[in-house]
Amino acid sequence: MDDFKKDFIKDVRHIQEEMDLLFDHFYKMRHSPVLTSKRLWRPPTDVFEKENEVIILLEIAGMKQKDFSITLSDDILIVKGERKEKAEPSITGYRNKEINFGMFERNIYLPENIDPDEIVAAYKEGFLEITIKKRKGKKVKAKEIEIEEG
């Protein structure tokens, strides 16, 4: 596949993700928190590049390292997990409920020049930071990434 087609497909995927997020926000405004608390949610994510690396930062407070996984498949980094809701027996109802709980998944489309052997992930103070070194050469199809404790 030529570069134009690859870029076009990535752009369409990005637009689709943004539209999904927009519809999720609309859905949450129109429905009760009880309905939305069981839905798949998307943690806020920043992706940026430096000269020699790509950095992904996900805001995932209230979790432990064992609560999520990171996988590299082709040029897509997949971060999945589940944030469990803390049971408060004395709560009789919510006046406001904005914190998302349940399963989440983020698919981050990466440039082809990343080095799959140079990926470091650390979870600290509610943020998951994934740093991927860039390189020239052959890309790898799939790889599981370990998360270091912060």
N, C-alpha and C. Protein backbone atom coordinates (compact mmCIF):
# COMPACT_ATOMS: atom_id res chain seq x y z
N MET A 1 0.85 -1.17 0.00
CA MET A 1 0.00 0.00 0.00
C MET A 1 0.91 1.24 0.00
N ASP A 2 0.59 2.19 -0.85
CA ASP A 2 1.44 3.38 -0.92
C ASP A 2 1.18 4.31 0.27
N ASP A 3 2.08 5.26 0.47
CA ASP A 3 2.02 6.15 1.63
C ASP A 3 0.74 6.97 1.68
N PHE A 4 0.26 7.42 0.53
CA PHE A 4 -0.98 8.21 0.51
C PHE A 4 -2.14 7.41 1.08
N LYS A 5 -2.28 6.16 0.65
CA LYS A 5 -3.38 5.33 1.15
C LYS A 5 -3.25 5.07 2.64
N LYS A 6 -2.02 4.80 3.11
CA LYS A 6 -1.80 4.57 4.54
C LYS A 6 -2.16 5.80 5.34
N ASP A 7 -1.72 6.97 4.88
CA ASP A 7 -2.03 8.21 5.58
C ASP A 7 -3.53 8.47 5.57
N PHE A 8 -4.18 8.22 4.45
CA PHE A 8 -5.62 8.43 4.34
C PHE A 8 -6.36 7.52 5.32
N ILE A 9 -5.97 6.25 5.39
CA ILE A 9 -6.61 5.30 6.30
C ILE A 9 -6.41 5.73 7.75
N LYS A 10 -5.20 6.16 8.10
CA LYS A 10 -4.94 6.65 9.45
C LYS A 10 -5.79 7.87 9.76
N ASP A 11 -5.91 8.79 8.80
CA ASP A 11 -6.73 9.98 9.01
C ASP A 11 -8.19 9.61 9.23
N VAL A 12 -8.70 8.68 8.46
CA VAL A 12 -10.09 8.23 8.60
C VAL A 12 -10.29 7.57 9.96
N ARG A 13 -9.33 6.75 10.39
CA ARG A 13 -9.43 6.11 11.72
C ARG A 13 -9.44 7.16 12.82
N HIS A 14 -8.61 8.17 12.68
CA HIS A 14 -8.55 9.24 13.68
C HIS A 14 -9.88 9.99 13.74
N ILE A 15 -10.44 10.30 12.59
CA ILE A 15 -11.74 10.98 12.54
C ILE A 15 -12.82 10.10 13.19
N GLN A 16 -12.76 8.80 12.91
CA GLN A 16 -13.73 7.88 13.50
C GLN A 16 -13.61 7.87 15.03
N GLU A 17 -12.38 7.84 15.55
CA GLU A 17 -12.19 7.88 17.00
C GLU A 17 -12.74 9.17 17.60
N GLU A 18 -12.49 10.29 16.93
CA GLU A 18 -12.98 11.57 17.43
C GLU A 18 -14.51 11.62 17.40
N MET A 19 -15.12 11.08 16.36
CA MET A 19 -16.59 11.04 16.28
C MET A 19 -17.16 10.14 17.37
N ASP A 20 -16.51 9.00 17.62
CA ASP A 20 -16.94 8.12 18.71
C ASP A 20 -16.91 8.85 20.04
N LEU A 21 -15.85 9.61 20.27
CA LEU A 21 -15.72 10.37 21.50
C LEU A 21 -16.83 11.43 21.60
N LEU A 22 -17.11 12.12 20.49
CA LEU A 22 -18.16 13.12 20.46
C LEU A 22 -19.52 12.49 20.78
N PHE A 23 -19.82 11.34 20.18
CA PHE A 23 -21.09 10.67 20.45
C PHE A 23 -21.15 10.17 21.89
N ASP A 24 -20.02 9.70 22.43
CA ASP A 24 -20.00 9.29 23.83
C ASP A 24 -20.37 10.44 24.75
N HIS A 25 -19.78 11.63 24.49
CA HIS A 25 -20.09 12.79 25.32
C HIS A 25 -21.56 13.18 25.19
N PHE A 26 -22.10 13.13 23.97
CA PHE A 26 -23.51 13.44 23.76
C PHE A 26 -24.39 12.45 24.50
N TYR A 27 -24.04 11.16 24.41
CA TYR A 27 -24.81 10.11 25.07
C TYR A 27 -24.82 10.33 26.58
N LYS A 28 -23.68 10.69 27.15
CA LYS A 28 -23.60 10.89 28.60
C LYS A 28 -24.45 12.07 29.05
N MET A 29 -24.57 13.09 28.21
CA MET A 29 -25.39 14.24 28.56
C MET A 29 -26.88 13.89 28.54
N ARG A 30 -27.28 12.94 27.72
CA ARG A 30 -28.70 12.64 27.53
C ARG A 30 -29.20 11.48 28.38
N HIS A 31 -28.30 10.70 29.00
CA HIS A 31 -28.73 9.51 29.72
C HIS A 31 -28.23 9.54 31.16
N SER A 32 -28.83 8.72 31.97
CA SER A 32 -28.47 8.70 33.39
C SER A 32 -27.10 8.08 33.60
N PRO A 33 -26.43 8.40 34.72
CA PRO A 33 -25.12 7.84 35.01
C PRO A 33 -25.15 6.32 35.16
N VAL A 34 -26.29 5.79 35.58
CA VAL A 34 -26.38 4.35 35.75
C VAL A 34 -26.16 3.65 34.41
N LEU A 35 -26.71 4.19 33.33
CA LEU A 35 -26.55 3.59 32.01
C LEU A 35 -25.13 3.74 31.48
N THR A 36 -24.51 4.87 31.72
CA THR A 36 -23.20 5.12 31.13
C THR A 36 -22.06 4.49 31.91
N SER A 37 -22.27 4.13 33.18
CA SER A 37 -21.17 3.61 33.98
C SER A 37 -20.69 2.25 33.51
N LYS A 38 -21.49 1.51 32.76
CA LYS A 38 -21.10 0.18 32.29
C LYS A 38 -20.54 0.20 30.87
N ARG A 39 -20.52 1.36 30.24
CA ARG A 39 -20.07 1.48 28.86
C ARG A 39 -18.55 1.52 28.77
N LEU A 40 -18.05 1.19 27.60
CA LEU A 40 -16.63 1.34 27.32
C LEU A 40 -16.30 2.83 27.33
N TRP A 41 -15.20 3.20 27.97
CA TRP A 41 -14.82 4.61 28.04
C TRP A 41 -13.41 4.77 27.49
N ARG A 42 -13.02 6.02 27.28
CA ARG A 42 -11.72 6.32 26.68
C ARG A 42 -10.96 7.32 27.56
N PRO A 43 -9.87 6.89 28.16
CA PRO A 43 -9.10 7.84 28.97
C PRO A 43 -8.49 8.93 28.09
N PRO A 44 -8.39 10.16 28.60
CA PRO A 44 -7.73 11.23 27.84
C PRO A 44 -6.30 10.83 27.51
N THR A 45 -5.90 11.10 26.28
CA THR A 45 -4.59 10.64 25.79
C THR A 45 -3.90 11.74 25.00
N ASP A 46 -2.63 11.94 25.28
CA ASP A 46 -1.78 12.84 24.49
C ASP A 46 -0.74 11.99 23.78
N VAL A 47 -0.52 12.27 22.51
CA VAL A 47 0.53 11.60 21.74
C VAL A 47 1.36 12.70 21.10
N PHE A 48 2.67 12.66 21.34
CA PHE A 48 3.52 13.67 20.73
C PHE A 48 4.87 13.06 20.37
N GLU A 49 5.55 13.73 19.47
CA GLU A 49 6.84 13.24 18.99
C GLU A 49 7.94 14.20 19.36
N LYS A 50 9.09 13.61 19.64
CA LYS A 50 10.33 14.35 19.78
C LYS A 50 11.22 13.87 18.63
N GLU A 51 12.41 14.38 18.55
CA GLU A 51 13.27 14.03 17.43
C GLU A 51 13.52 12.52 17.33
N ASN A 52 13.74 11.86 18.48
CA ASN A 52 14.11 10.45 18.45
C ASN A 52 13.11 9.52 19.13
N GLU A 53 11.92 10.03 19.49
CA GLU A 53 10.96 9.17 20.18
C GLU A 53 9.53 9.67 20.04
N VAL A 54 8.61 8.75 20.28
CA VAL A 54 7.19 9.05 20.34
C VAL A 54 6.77 8.81 21.78
N ILE A 55 5.99 9.74 22.34
CA ILE A 55 5.55 9.61 23.72
C ILE A 55 4.03 9.62 23.77
N ILE A 56 3.48 8.65 24.49
CA ILE A 56 2.04 8.53 24.68
C ILE A 56 1.78 8.69 26.17
N LEU A 57 0.84 9.56 26.54
CA LEU A 57 0.52 9.82 27.93
C LEU A 57 -0.98 9.64 28.11
N LEU A 58 -1.38 8.69 28.95
CA LEU A 58 -2.79 8.43 29.23
C LEU A 58 -3.08 8.78 30.68
N GLU A 59 -4.18 9.48 30.91
CA GLU A 59 -4.62 9.81 32.25
C GLU A 59 -5.55 8.70 32.73
N ILE A 60 -5.04 7.86 33.64
CA ILE A 60 -5.80 6.70 34.12
C ILE A 60 -5.63 6.61 35.63
N ALA A 61 -6.21 7.53 36.36
CA ALA A 61 -6.08 7.56 37.81
C ALA A 61 -6.87 6.44 38.46
N GLY A 62 -6.44 6.07 39.66
CA GLY A 62 -7.20 5.11 40.46
C GLY A 62 -7.04 3.67 40.04
N MET A 63 -5.96 3.36 39.36
CA MET A 63 -5.75 1.98 38.90
C MET A 63 -4.41 1.48 39.39
N LYS A 64 -4.21 0.19 39.21
CA LYS A 64 -2.93 -0.44 39.51
C LYS A 64 -2.35 -0.98 38.21
N GLN A 65 -1.07 -1.23 38.23
CA GLN A 65 -0.35 -1.71 37.05
C GLN A 65 -1.01 -2.96 36.46
N LYS A 66 -1.52 -3.84 37.31
CA LYS A 66 -2.12 -5.09 36.83
C LYS A 66 -3.49 -4.89 36.18
N ASP A 67 -4.06 -3.68 36.30
CA ASP A 67 -5.40 -3.41 35.79
C ASP A 67 -5.45 -3.10 34.30
N PHE A 68 -4.28 -2.97 33.64
CA PHE A 68 -4.29 -2.70 32.21
C PHE A 68 -3.14 -3.40 31.50
N SER A 69 -3.26 -3.48 30.17
CA SER A 69 -2.24 -4.13 29.34
C SER A 69 -1.94 -3.26 28.14
N ILE A 70 -0.74 -3.46 27.60
CA ILE A 70 -0.30 -2.71 26.42
C ILE A 70 0.23 -3.72 25.41
N THR A 71 -0.23 -3.60 24.17
CA THR A 71 0.20 -4.49 23.10
C THR A 71 0.52 -3.67 21.86
N LEU A 72 1.57 -4.05 21.17
CA LEU A 72 1.91 -3.44 19.89
C LEU A 72 1.56 -4.43 18.81
N SER A 73 0.72 -4.01 17.86
CA SER A 73 0.32 -4.87 16.75
C SER A 73 0.42 -4.04 15.48
N ASP A 74 1.33 -4.43 14.60
CA ASP A 74 1.67 -3.64 13.41
C ASP A 74 2.08 -2.25 13.86
N ASP A 75 1.41 -1.21 13.41
CA ASP A 75 1.76 0.15 13.82
C ASP A 75 0.69 0.74 14.76
N ILE A 76 0.02 -0.15 15.50
CA ILE A 76 -1.02 0.27 16.44
C ILE A 76 -0.64 -0.17 17.84
N LEU A 77 -0.60 0.79 18.77
CA LEU A 77 -0.38 0.48 20.17
C LEU A 77 -1.75 0.40 20.83
N ILE A 78 -2.04 -0.74 21.47
CA ILE A 78 -3.36 -0.97 22.07
C ILE A 78 -3.20 -0.98 23.58
N VAL A 79 -3.90 -0.05 24.25
CA VAL A 79 -3.90 0.03 25.70
C VAL A 79 -5.31 -0.31 26.16
N LYS A 80 -5.44 -1.36 26.98
CA LYS A 80 -6.75 -1.78 27.48
C LYS A 80 -6.69 -1.97 28.97
N GLY A 81 -7.85 -1.90 29.59
CA GLY A 81 -7.91 -2.15 31.02
C GLY A 81 -9.29 -1.98 31.57
N GLU A 82 -9.35 -2.02 32.89
CA GLU A 82 -10.63 -1.83 33.56
C GLU A 82 -10.40 -1.09 34.88
N ARG A 83 -11.15 -0.02 35.05
CA ARG A 83 -11.13 0.70 36.32
C ARG A 83 -12.41 0.33 37.05
N LYS A 84 -12.24 -0.27 38.23
CA LYS A 84 -13.39 -0.72 39.00
C LYS A 84 -13.92 0.41 39.89
N GLU A 85 -15.23 0.47 39.98
CA GLU A 85 -15.87 1.49 40.80
C GLU A 85 -15.81 1.07 42.26
N LYS A 86 -15.51 2.02 43.13
CA LYS A 86 -15.47 1.74 44.56
C LYS A 86 -16.89 1.77 45.10
N ALA A 87 -17.27 0.71 45.77
CA ALA A 87 -18.63 0.61 46.31
C ALA A 87 -18.75 1.43 47.59
N GLU A 88 -19.70 2.32 47.61
CA GLU A 88 -20.00 3.14 48.79
C GLU A 88 -21.41 2.79 49.24
N PRO A 89 -21.55 1.97 50.26
CA PRO A 89 -22.89 1.51 50.67
C PRO A 89 -23.82 2.61 51.16
N SER A 90 -23.27 3.74 51.60
CA SER A 90 -24.13 4.80 52.15
C SER A 90 -24.68 5.74 51.08
N ILE A 91 -24.27 5.58 49.81
CA ILE A 91 -24.76 6.46 48.75
C ILE A 91 -26.19 6.08 48.37
N THR A 92 -27.08 7.06 48.38
CA THR A 92 -28.47 6.80 47.99
C THR A 92 -28.75 7.29 46.57
N GLY A 93 -27.89 8.15 46.03
CA GLY A 93 -28.06 8.65 44.67
C GLY A 93 -26.96 9.65 44.36
N TYR A 94 -26.76 9.90 43.09
CA TYR A 94 -25.72 10.84 42.67
C TYR A 94 -26.35 12.18 42.29
N ARG A 95 -25.68 13.26 42.64
CA ARG A 95 -26.06 14.59 42.18
C ARG A 95 -25.28 14.92 40.91
N ASN A 96 -24.11 14.32 40.79
CA ASN A 96 -23.26 14.50 39.61
C ASN A 96 -22.35 13.29 39.52
N LYS A 97 -22.17 12.74 38.31
CA LYS A 97 -21.31 11.58 38.14
C LYS A 97 -20.56 11.72 36.83
N GLU A 98 -19.27 12.05 36.92
CA GLU A 98 -18.45 12.27 35.73
C GLU A 98 -17.29 11.30 35.61
N ILE A 99 -16.94 10.61 36.68
CA ILE A 99 -15.80 9.70 36.65
C ILE A 99 -16.22 8.41 35.97
N ASN A 100 -15.44 8.02 34.97
CA ASN A 100 -15.75 6.81 34.22
C ASN A 100 -15.15 5.58 34.89
N PHE A 101 -15.92 4.51 34.88
CA PHE A 101 -15.47 3.22 35.39
C PHE A 101 -15.79 2.17 34.35
N GLY A 102 -15.17 1.01 34.50
CA GLY A 102 -15.42 -0.10 33.59
C GLY A 102 -14.27 -0.29 32.63
N MET A 103 -14.54 -0.99 31.55
CA MET A 103 -13.53 -1.32 30.56
C MET A 103 -13.19 -0.11 29.70
N PHE A 104 -11.91 -0.03 29.29
CA PHE A 104 -11.51 0.99 28.33
C PHE A 104 -10.52 0.39 27.35
N GLU A 105 -10.41 1.04 26.20
CA GLU A 105 -9.44 0.64 25.19
C GLU A 105 -9.08 1.85 24.36
N ARG A 106 -7.80 2.04 24.12
CA ARG A 106 -7.31 3.09 23.23
C ARG A 106 -6.40 2.44 22.20
N ASN A 107 -6.65 2.74 20.94
CA ASN A 107 -5.80 2.31 19.84
C ASN A 107 -5.05 3.53 19.34
N ILE A 108 -3.74 3.52 19.48
CA ILE A 108 -2.93 4.67 19.10
C ILE A 108 -2.14 4.29 17.86
N TYR A 109 -2.36 5.02 16.78
CA TYR A 109 -1.69 4.75 15.52
C TYR A 109 -0.33 5.41 15.53
N LEU A 110 0.70 4.61 15.30
CA LEU A 110 2.08 5.07 15.41
C LEU A 110 2.74 5.20 14.05
N PRO A 111 3.78 6.02 13.96
CA PRO A 111 4.54 6.06 12.71
C PRO A 111 5.26 4.72 12.51
N GLU A 112 5.60 4.42 11.29
CA GLU A 112 6.24 3.14 10.99
C GLU A 112 7.69 3.06 11.45
N ASN A 113 8.29 4.19 11.78
CA ASN A 113 9.71 4.18 12.11
C ASN A 113 10.00 4.00 13.60
N ILE A 114 9.09 3.37 14.34
CA ILE A 114 9.34 3.14 15.76
C ILE A 114 10.16 1.85 15.94
N ASP A 115 10.87 1.77 17.04
CA ASP A 115 11.67 0.58 17.36
C ASP A 115 10.90 -0.24 18.40
N PRO A 116 10.33 -1.38 18.01
CA PRO A 116 9.52 -2.17 18.93
C PRO A 116 10.32 -2.76 20.09
N ASP A 117 11.64 -2.77 19.97
CA ASP A 117 12.48 -3.27 21.07
C ASP A 117 12.86 -2.17 22.04
N GLU A 118 12.47 -0.95 21.75
CA GLU A 118 12.80 0.20 22.60
C GLU A 118 11.54 0.90 23.08
N ILE A 119 10.69 0.14 23.79
CA ILE A 119 9.45 0.68 24.34
C ILE A 119 9.50 0.56 25.86
N VAL A 120 9.25 1.66 26.52
CA VAL A 120 9.23 1.68 27.98
C VAL A 120 7.90 2.26 28.42
N ALA A 121 7.24 1.56 29.36
CA ALA A 121 5.96 2.03 29.90
C ALA A 121 6.07 2.12 31.41
N ALA A 122 5.60 3.23 31.98
CA ALA A 122 5.62 3.41 33.43
C ALA A 122 4.31 4.04 33.87
N TYR A 123 3.78 3.57 34.99
CA TYR A 123 2.55 4.11 35.56
C TYR A 123 2.90 4.80 36.87
N LYS A 124 2.62 6.11 36.93
CA LYS A 124 2.99 6.88 38.11
C LYS A 124 2.00 8.04 38.28
N GLU A 125 1.51 8.19 39.50
CA GLU A 125 0.64 9.30 39.88
C GLU A 125 -0.57 9.46 38.95
N GLY A 126 -1.16 8.33 38.53
CA GLY A 126 -2.37 8.37 37.72
C GLY A 126 -2.16 8.50 36.23
N PHE A 127 -0.90 8.54 35.80
CA PHE A 127 -0.60 8.67 34.37
C PHE A 127 0.21 7.47 33.90
N LEU A 128 -0.18 6.94 32.76
CA LEU A 128 0.59 5.90 32.09
C LEU A 128 1.37 6.58 30.98
N GLU A 129 2.71 6.51 31.06
CA GLU A 129 3.56 7.12 30.05
C GLU A 129 4.30 6.02 29.29
N ILE A 130 4.15 6.05 27.97
CA ILE A 130 4.79 5.07 27.10
C ILE A 130 5.73 5.83 26.19
N THR A 131 7.00 5.46 26.22
CA THR A 131 8.01 6.10 25.38
C THR A 131 8.53 5.07 24.39
N ILE A 132 8.51 5.44 23.11
CA ILE A 132 8.94 4.53 22.04
C ILE A 132 10.02 5.23 21.22
N LYS A 133 11.19 4.61 21.16
CA LYS A 133 12.29 5.17 20.37
C LYS A 133 11.99 4.99 18.88
N LYS A 134 12.48 5.94 18.08
CA LYS A 134 12.34 5.85 16.63
C LYS A 134 13.58 5.17 16.05
N ARG A 135 13.41 4.55 14.91
CA ARG A 135 14.55 3.97 14.20
C ARG A 135 14.20 3.82 12.73
N LYS A 136 15.20 3.49 11.96
CA LYS A 136 14.98 3.17 10.55
C LYS A 136 15.07 1.65 10.42
N GLY A 137 14.30 1.12 9.50
CA GLY A 137 14.40 -0.32 9.27
C GLY A 137 13.07 -1.02 9.34
N LYS A 138 13.18 -2.33 9.48
CA LYS A 138 12.05 -3.23 9.44
C LYS A 138 11.14 -3.08 10.66
N LYS A 139 9.83 -3.12 10.44
CA LYS A 139 8.90 -3.04 11.56
C LYS A 139 8.49 -4.44 12.01
N VAL A 140 8.02 -4.53 13.25
CA VAL A 140 7.63 -5.80 13.86
C VAL A 140 6.11 -5.88 13.91
N LYS A 141 5.57 -7.08 13.74
CA LYS A 141 4.12 -7.27 13.68
C LYS A 141 3.42 -7.15 15.03
N ALA A 142 3.92 -7.81 16.08
CA ALA A 142 3.22 -7.79 17.37
C ALA A 142 4.21 -7.96 18.51
N LYS A 143 3.85 -7.35 19.65
CA LYS A 143 4.72 -7.44 20.82
C LYS A 143 3.94 -7.02 22.05
N GLU A 144 4.14 -7.73 23.17
CA GLU A 144 3.54 -7.39 24.46
C GLU A 144 4.52 -6.49 25.21
N ILE A 145 4.01 -5.44 25.88
CA ILE A 145 4.87 -4.49 26.57
C ILE A 145 4.64 -4.58 28.07
N GLU A 146 5.73 -4.67 28.83
CA GLU A 146 5.68 -4.71 30.30
C GLU A 146 5.53 -3.29 30.84
N ILE A 147 4.85 -3.13 31.96
CA ILE A 147 4.65 -1.82 32.58
C ILE A 147 5.48 -1.77 33.87
N GLU A 148 6.35 -0.78 33.97
CA GLU A 148 7.16 -0.62 35.18
C GLU A 148 6.36 0.11 36.24
N GLU A 149 6.62 -0.24 37.49
CA GLU A 149 5.96 0.44 38.59
C GLU A 149 6.68 1.73 38.88
N GLY A 150 5.91 2.82 39.11
CA GLY A 150 6.50 4.13 39.31
C GLY A 150 6.77 4.48 40.72
